[in-house]
Amino acid sequence: MAEKQKHRNGMPAYQRIQSTIRKRIESGQLRTGDPVASERDLAKIHQVSLMTARHALATLEQEGIVERRRGIGTSHFGIPYLVRKNYP
C-alpha cells in the first residue's frame, strides 16, 4: 500500500506536491510573495511524510520557484519561474 501511495498516477509523491504548487502558480492562485503551505500542511494534505514534503520544497527552492526562510515559512519567489517556463 505504501508503494502505491508513493507513486499515485505514476509520479513520486514529492513530484505530485511540486506539480500542485506549480499549477497554483500558473493559474494565478499563488502570486509572487504569497505564502506556500507549510511542510507539515503539505505532508498532511498529500498524506506523505514530513521528509517528502521537505524534499519537494527544497527542490522548488533550488529551482528558484519558492523562497524558504527559517521561522517565517515558504513563499512563491516569482519571476525566475516564469522566465524559465517561457524561455528554455
Protein backbone atom coordinates (compact mmCIF):
# COMPACT_ATOMS: atom_id res chain seq x y z
CA MET A 1 0.00 0.00 0.00
CA ALA A 2 2.80 2.42 0.85
CA GLU A 3 4.36 1.89 -2.57
CA LYS A 4 1.01 2.58 -4.23
CA GLN A 5 0.62 5.81 -2.27
CA LYS A 6 4.16 6.90 -3.14
CA HIS A 7 3.58 6.65 -6.88
CA ARG A 8 -0.02 7.65 -7.45
CA ASN A 9 -0.58 8.40 -11.12
CA GLY A 10 2.90 7.06 -11.85
CA MET A 11 4.52 10.07 -10.18
CA PRO A 12 6.59 10.12 -6.97
CA ALA A 13 4.94 11.90 -4.05
CA TYR A 14 7.39 14.81 -3.95
CA GLN A 15 6.76 15.49 -7.64
CA ARG A 16 2.99 15.50 -7.05
CA ILE A 17 3.46 18.18 -4.41
CA GLN A 18 5.66 20.21 -6.75
CA SER A 19 3.14 19.82 -9.56
CA THR A 20 0.34 21.08 -7.33
CA ILE A 21 2.35 24.17 -6.37
CA ARG A 22 3.35 24.85 -9.99
CA LYS A 23 -0.28 24.58 -11.11
CA ARG A 24 -1.32 27.08 -8.43
CA ILE A 25 1.34 29.48 -9.72
CA GLU A 26 0.37 29.03 -13.37
CA SER A 27 -3.33 29.54 -12.61
CA GLY A 28 -2.63 32.73 -10.67
CA GLN A 29 -3.84 31.30 -7.36
CA LEU A 30 -0.34 31.76 -5.98
CA ARG A 31 1.33 35.09 -6.75
CA THR A 32 4.80 36.43 -6.03
CA GLY A 33 5.26 36.78 -2.29
CA ASP A 34 2.24 34.64 -1.41
CA PRO A 35 2.88 32.04 1.27
CA VAL A 36 3.02 28.38 0.29
CA ALA A 37 1.53 25.79 2.64
CA SER A 38 3.91 24.71 5.40
CA GLU A 39 5.84 21.46 5.22
CA ARG A 40 3.52 19.97 7.84
CA ASP A 41 0.41 21.09 5.99
CA LEU A 42 1.70 19.73 2.67
CA ALA A 43 2.55 16.41 4.32
CA LYS A 44 -0.95 16.19 5.79
CA ILE A 45 -2.74 17.28 2.60
CA HIS A 46 -0.83 14.84 0.39
CA GLN A 47 -0.66 12.09 3.02
CA VAL A 48 3.12 11.81 2.86
CA SER A 49 5.96 12.02 5.37
CA LEU A 50 7.31 15.35 6.51
CA MET A 51 10.60 14.44 4.83
CA THR A 52 8.85 14.06 1.47
CA ALA A 53 7.22 17.48 1.80
CA ARG A 54 10.59 18.98 2.75
CA HIS A 55 12.21 17.39 -0.29
CA ALA A 56 9.53 18.85 -2.58
CA LEU A 57 10.03 22.37 -1.20
CA ALA A 58 13.82 22.09 -1.17
CA THR A 59 13.84 21.18 -4.85
CA LEU A 60 11.48 24.05 -5.71
CA GLU A 61 13.77 26.37 -3.78
CA GLN A 62 16.81 25.15 -5.76
CA GLU A 63 14.87 25.87 -8.96
CA GLY A 64 14.15 29.43 -7.80
CA ILE A 65 10.38 28.89 -7.61
CA VAL A 66 9.98 29.37 -3.87
CA GLU A 67 11.96 31.07 -1.16
CA ARG A 68 12.22 29.45 2.26
CA ARG A 69 13.03 31.37 5.41
CA ARG A 70 13.51 29.68 8.75
CA GLY A 71 10.84 30.77 11.21
CA ILE A 72 8.88 32.65 8.53
CA GLY A 73 7.89 29.98 6.04
CA THR A 74 7.94 29.45 2.30
CA SER A 75 6.65 31.86 -0.30
CA HIS A 76 6.42 31.95 -4.09
CA PHE A 77 9.53 33.68 -5.39
CA GLY A 78 8.17 34.96 -8.69
CA ILE A 79 9.99 35.94 -11.83
CA PRO A 80 12.64 33.18 -12.17
CA TYR A 81 9.96 30.50 -12.55
CA LEU A 82 8.09 32.43 -15.22
CA VAL A 83 11.28 33.16 -17.15
CA ARG A 84 12.40 29.54 -17.05
CA LYS A 85 8.99 28.29 -18.07
CA ASN A 86 8.76 30.56 -21.13
CA TYR A 87 12.40 30.52 -22.15
CA PRO A 88 14.32 27.23 -22.04
